[in-house]
Amino acid sequence: MPEELALLVDAEGFLEADFIVSLLQAYDIPYLVKRENPYAVDARYTIGPLASHRIYVKSEDLERATEILEAEPDPREMYG
């Protein structure tokens, strides 16, 4: 039976998604990233709503992943 995934966050762009993915990797939490615009040659250059990156984790990891994100500084505030 496939594992159920839960939406962790809808990141606003490549940099935010990359920051979140780095945190998940550091804590050994498996994830899946879905870009809003899968046809972009390089998602780093996409802006607006098409720059969205949805980051999913296993349902069983959702609470832990959420706690990790809440404990870290918001990258939008750091580099605003």
N, C-alpha and C. Protein backbone atom coordinates (compact mmCIF):
# COMPACT_ATOMS: atom_id res chain seq x y z
N MET A 1 0.85 -1.17 0.00
CA MET A 1 0.00 0.00 0.00
C MET A 1 0.90 1.24 0.00
N PRO A 2 0.64 2.21 -0.89
CA PRO A 2 1.46 3.42 -0.92
C PRO A 2 1.28 4.24 0.35
N GLU A 3 2.36 4.92 0.72
CA GLU A 3 2.30 5.76 1.92
C GLU A 3 1.53 7.04 1.62
N GLU A 4 0.77 7.48 2.60
CA GLU A 4 -0.03 8.70 2.44
C GLU A 4 0.86 9.92 2.67
N LEU A 5 0.75 10.90 1.77
CA LEU A 5 1.52 12.13 1.89
C LEU A 5 0.63 13.26 2.38
N ALA A 6 1.25 14.20 3.08
CA ALA A 6 0.54 15.37 3.58
C ALA A 6 1.29 16.61 3.15
N LEU A 7 0.56 17.65 2.79
CA LEU A 7 1.17 18.91 2.39
C LEU A 7 1.78 19.58 3.62
N LEU A 8 3.08 19.80 3.57
CA LEU A 8 3.77 20.49 4.66
C LEU A 8 3.69 21.99 4.47
N VAL A 9 4.02 22.45 3.26
CA VAL A 9 4.06 23.89 3.00
C VAL A 9 3.97 24.13 1.50
N ASP A 10 3.43 25.28 1.16
CA ASP A 10 3.40 25.75 -0.22
C ASP A 10 4.40 26.89 -0.30
N ALA A 11 5.64 26.57 -0.65
CA ALA A 11 6.71 27.57 -0.68
C ALA A 11 6.49 28.53 -1.84
N GLU A 12 6.87 29.80 -1.61
CA GLU A 12 6.61 30.85 -2.60
C GLU A 12 7.62 30.90 -3.73
N GLY A 13 8.68 30.14 -3.65
CA GLY A 13 9.68 30.17 -4.71
C GLY A 13 10.80 29.20 -4.45
N PHE A 14 11.75 29.18 -5.37
CA PHE A 14 12.85 28.23 -5.33
C PHE A 14 13.68 28.36 -4.05
N LEU A 15 14.03 29.58 -3.65
CA LEU A 15 14.90 29.76 -2.49
C LEU A 15 14.24 29.27 -1.20
N GLU A 16 12.98 29.61 -1.02
CA GLU A 16 12.26 29.15 0.17
C GLU A 16 12.14 27.64 0.17
N ALA A 17 11.81 27.06 -0.98
CA ALA A 17 11.69 25.60 -1.08
C ALA A 17 13.03 24.93 -0.80
N ASP A 18 14.10 25.49 -1.32
CA ASP A 18 15.43 24.92 -1.11
C ASP A 18 15.81 24.96 0.37
N PHE A 19 15.48 26.04 1.05
CA PHE A 19 15.75 26.18 2.49
C PHE A 19 14.99 25.09 3.27
N ILE A 20 13.73 24.90 2.95
CA ILE A 20 12.90 23.91 3.65
C ILE A 20 13.39 22.50 3.37
N VAL A 21 13.71 22.22 2.13
CA VAL A 21 14.23 20.90 1.75
C VAL A 21 15.53 20.61 2.49
N SER A 22 16.39 21.61 2.63
CA SER A 22 17.65 21.43 3.35
C SER A 22 17.38 21.05 4.81
N LEU A 23 16.40 21.69 5.43
CA LEU A 23 16.05 21.34 6.81
C LEU A 23 15.54 19.90 6.90
N LEU A 24 14.67 19.53 5.98
CA LEU A 24 14.13 18.17 6.00
C LEU A 24 15.24 17.14 5.82
N GLN A 25 16.17 17.42 4.93
CA GLN A 25 17.30 16.52 4.72
C GLN A 25 18.15 16.40 5.98
N ALA A 26 18.38 17.53 6.65
CA ALA A 26 19.20 17.52 7.86
C ALA A 26 18.58 16.66 8.97
N TYR A 27 17.26 16.55 8.99
CA TYR A 27 16.57 15.75 9.99
C TYR A 27 16.11 14.39 9.45
N ASP A 28 16.61 14.02 8.28
CA ASP A 28 16.29 12.72 7.66
C ASP A 28 14.80 12.49 7.50
N ILE A 29 14.09 13.53 7.08
CA ILE A 29 12.66 13.40 6.81
C ILE A 29 12.47 13.33 5.30
N PRO A 30 11.94 12.22 4.81
CA PRO A 30 11.68 12.10 3.36
C PRO A 30 10.64 13.12 2.91
N TYR A 31 10.77 13.60 1.69
CA TYR A 31 9.89 14.64 1.18
C TYR A 31 9.68 14.45 -0.32
N LEU A 32 8.70 15.16 -0.82
CA LEU A 32 8.41 15.22 -2.26
C LEU A 32 8.11 16.67 -2.58
N VAL A 33 8.73 17.20 -3.63
CA VAL A 33 8.49 18.58 -4.05
C VAL A 33 7.77 18.54 -5.39
N LYS A 34 6.67 19.26 -5.47
CA LYS A 34 5.93 19.40 -6.73
C LYS A 34 5.93 20.88 -7.09
N ARG A 35 6.45 21.17 -8.26
CA ARG A 35 6.45 22.56 -8.74
C ARG A 35 5.12 22.86 -9.41
N GLU A 36 4.65 24.09 -9.24
CA GLU A 36 3.40 24.51 -9.87
C GLU A 36 3.56 24.52 -11.39
N ASN A 37 4.76 24.89 -11.86
CA ASN A 37 5.02 24.96 -13.29
C ASN A 37 6.04 23.90 -13.66
N PRO A 38 5.59 22.67 -13.91
CA PRO A 38 6.53 21.59 -14.20
C PRO A 38 7.24 21.75 -15.55
N TYR A 39 6.79 22.69 -16.36
CA TYR A 39 7.37 22.86 -17.69
C TYR A 39 8.46 23.91 -17.73
N ALA A 40 8.71 24.56 -16.61
CA ALA A 40 9.77 25.58 -16.57
C ALA A 40 11.12 24.90 -16.77
N VAL A 41 11.94 25.48 -17.61
CA VAL A 41 13.26 24.92 -17.85
C VAL A 41 14.08 24.99 -16.57
N ASP A 42 14.00 26.08 -15.88
CA ASP A 42 14.70 26.25 -14.61
C ASP A 42 13.78 27.02 -13.68
N ALA A 43 13.25 26.33 -12.67
CA ALA A 43 12.25 26.92 -11.78
C ALA A 43 12.78 28.12 -11.00
N ARG A 44 14.10 28.29 -10.94
CA ARG A 44 14.64 29.43 -10.20
C ARG A 44 14.28 30.75 -10.86
N TYR A 45 13.95 30.72 -12.14
CA TYR A 45 13.66 31.95 -12.86
C TYR A 45 12.17 32.20 -13.05
N THR A 46 11.34 31.36 -12.47
CA THR A 46 9.89 31.53 -12.53
C THR A 46 9.46 32.42 -11.37
N ILE A 47 8.50 33.32 -11.63
CA ILE A 47 8.03 34.23 -10.59
C ILE A 47 6.52 34.14 -10.46
N GLY A 48 6.00 34.76 -9.41
CA GLY A 48 4.56 34.80 -9.21
C GLY A 48 4.00 33.44 -8.82
N PRO A 49 2.72 33.23 -9.08
CA PRO A 49 2.07 31.98 -8.67
C PRO A 49 2.70 30.73 -9.29
N LEU A 50 3.30 30.87 -10.46
CA LEU A 50 3.92 29.72 -11.10
C LEU A 50 5.23 29.31 -10.43
N ALA A 51 5.72 30.10 -9.49
CA ALA A 51 6.95 29.78 -8.77
C ALA A 51 6.69 28.88 -7.56
N SER A 52 5.44 28.58 -7.31
CA SER A 52 5.06 27.79 -6.14
C SER A 52 5.68 26.40 -6.17
N HIS A 53 6.16 25.96 -5.01
CA HIS A 53 6.69 24.62 -4.80
C HIS A 53 5.93 24.01 -3.63
N ARG A 54 5.17 22.97 -3.87
CA ARG A 54 4.44 22.30 -2.79
C ARG A 54 5.34 21.18 -2.26
N ILE A 55 5.56 21.21 -0.95
CA ILE A 55 6.45 20.24 -0.32
C ILE A 55 5.60 19.31 0.54
N TYR A 56 5.70 18.02 0.24
CA TYR A 56 4.92 17.00 0.93
C TYR A 56 5.86 16.12 1.76
N VAL A 57 5.34 15.63 2.88
CA VAL A 57 6.04 14.65 3.70
C VAL A 57 5.06 13.52 3.99
N LYS A 58 5.58 12.42 4.52
CA LYS A 58 4.69 11.33 4.93
C LYS A 58 3.77 11.87 6.03
N SER A 59 2.55 11.42 6.03
CA SER A 59 1.58 11.86 7.05
C SER A 59 2.12 11.65 8.45
N GLU A 60 2.83 10.55 8.66
CA GLU A 60 3.36 10.26 10.00
C GLU A 60 4.50 11.21 10.40
N ASP A 61 5.12 11.89 9.43
CA ASP A 61 6.20 12.83 9.71
C ASP A 61 5.73 14.29 9.75
N LEU A 62 4.46 14.53 9.46
CA LEU A 62 3.96 15.90 9.34
C LEU A 62 4.14 16.71 10.63
N GLU A 63 3.77 16.16 11.76
CA GLU A 63 3.88 16.91 13.01
C GLU A 63 5.33 17.28 13.31
N ARG A 64 6.24 16.32 13.17
CA ARG A 64 7.66 16.58 13.43
C ARG A 64 8.22 17.62 12.46
N ALA A 65 7.88 17.49 11.18
CA ALA A 65 8.37 18.44 10.17
C ALA A 65 7.84 19.84 10.44
N THR A 66 6.60 19.95 10.84
CA THR A 66 6.00 21.25 11.17
C THR A 66 6.72 21.88 12.36
N GLU A 67 7.01 21.09 13.37
CA GLU A 67 7.72 21.60 14.54
C GLU A 67 9.12 22.10 14.16
N ILE A 68 9.79 21.40 13.28
CA ILE A 68 11.13 21.81 12.83
C ILE A 68 11.06 23.13 12.10
N LEU A 69 10.08 23.28 11.20
CA LEU A 69 9.95 24.53 10.46
C LEU A 69 9.60 25.70 11.38
N GLU A 70 8.75 25.46 12.35
CA GLU A 70 8.35 26.52 13.27
C GLU A 70 9.52 26.96 14.17
N ALA A 71 10.46 26.07 14.42
CA ALA A 71 11.60 26.39 15.28
C ALA A 71 12.69 27.16 14.54
N GLU A 72 12.67 27.13 13.22
CA GLU A 72 13.69 27.81 12.41
C GLU A 72 13.22 29.21 12.04
N PRO A 73 14.15 30.14 11.82
CA PRO A 73 13.77 31.48 11.37
C PRO A 73 13.17 31.42 9.96
N ASP A 74 12.24 32.31 9.71
CA ASP A 74 11.61 32.40 8.39
C ASP A 74 12.62 33.00 7.41
N PRO A 75 12.97 32.28 6.33
CA PRO A 75 13.97 32.80 5.39
C PRO A 75 13.54 34.10 4.71
N ARG A 76 12.22 34.33 4.61
CA ARG A 76 11.74 35.59 4.01
C ARG A 76 12.09 36.78 4.89
N GLU A 77 12.12 36.56 6.20
CA GLU A 77 12.48 37.63 7.12
C GLU A 77 13.99 37.83 7.18
N MET A 78 14.73 36.76 6.97
CA MET A 78 16.19 36.85 7.04
C MET A 78 16.78 37.58 5.84
N TYR A 79 16.22 37.32 4.67
CA TYR A 79 16.80 37.86 3.45
C TYR A 79 15.88 38.84 2.73
N GLY A 80 14.68 39.07 3.34
CA GLY A 80 13.65 39.94 2.85
C GLY A 80 13.94 40.81 1.77
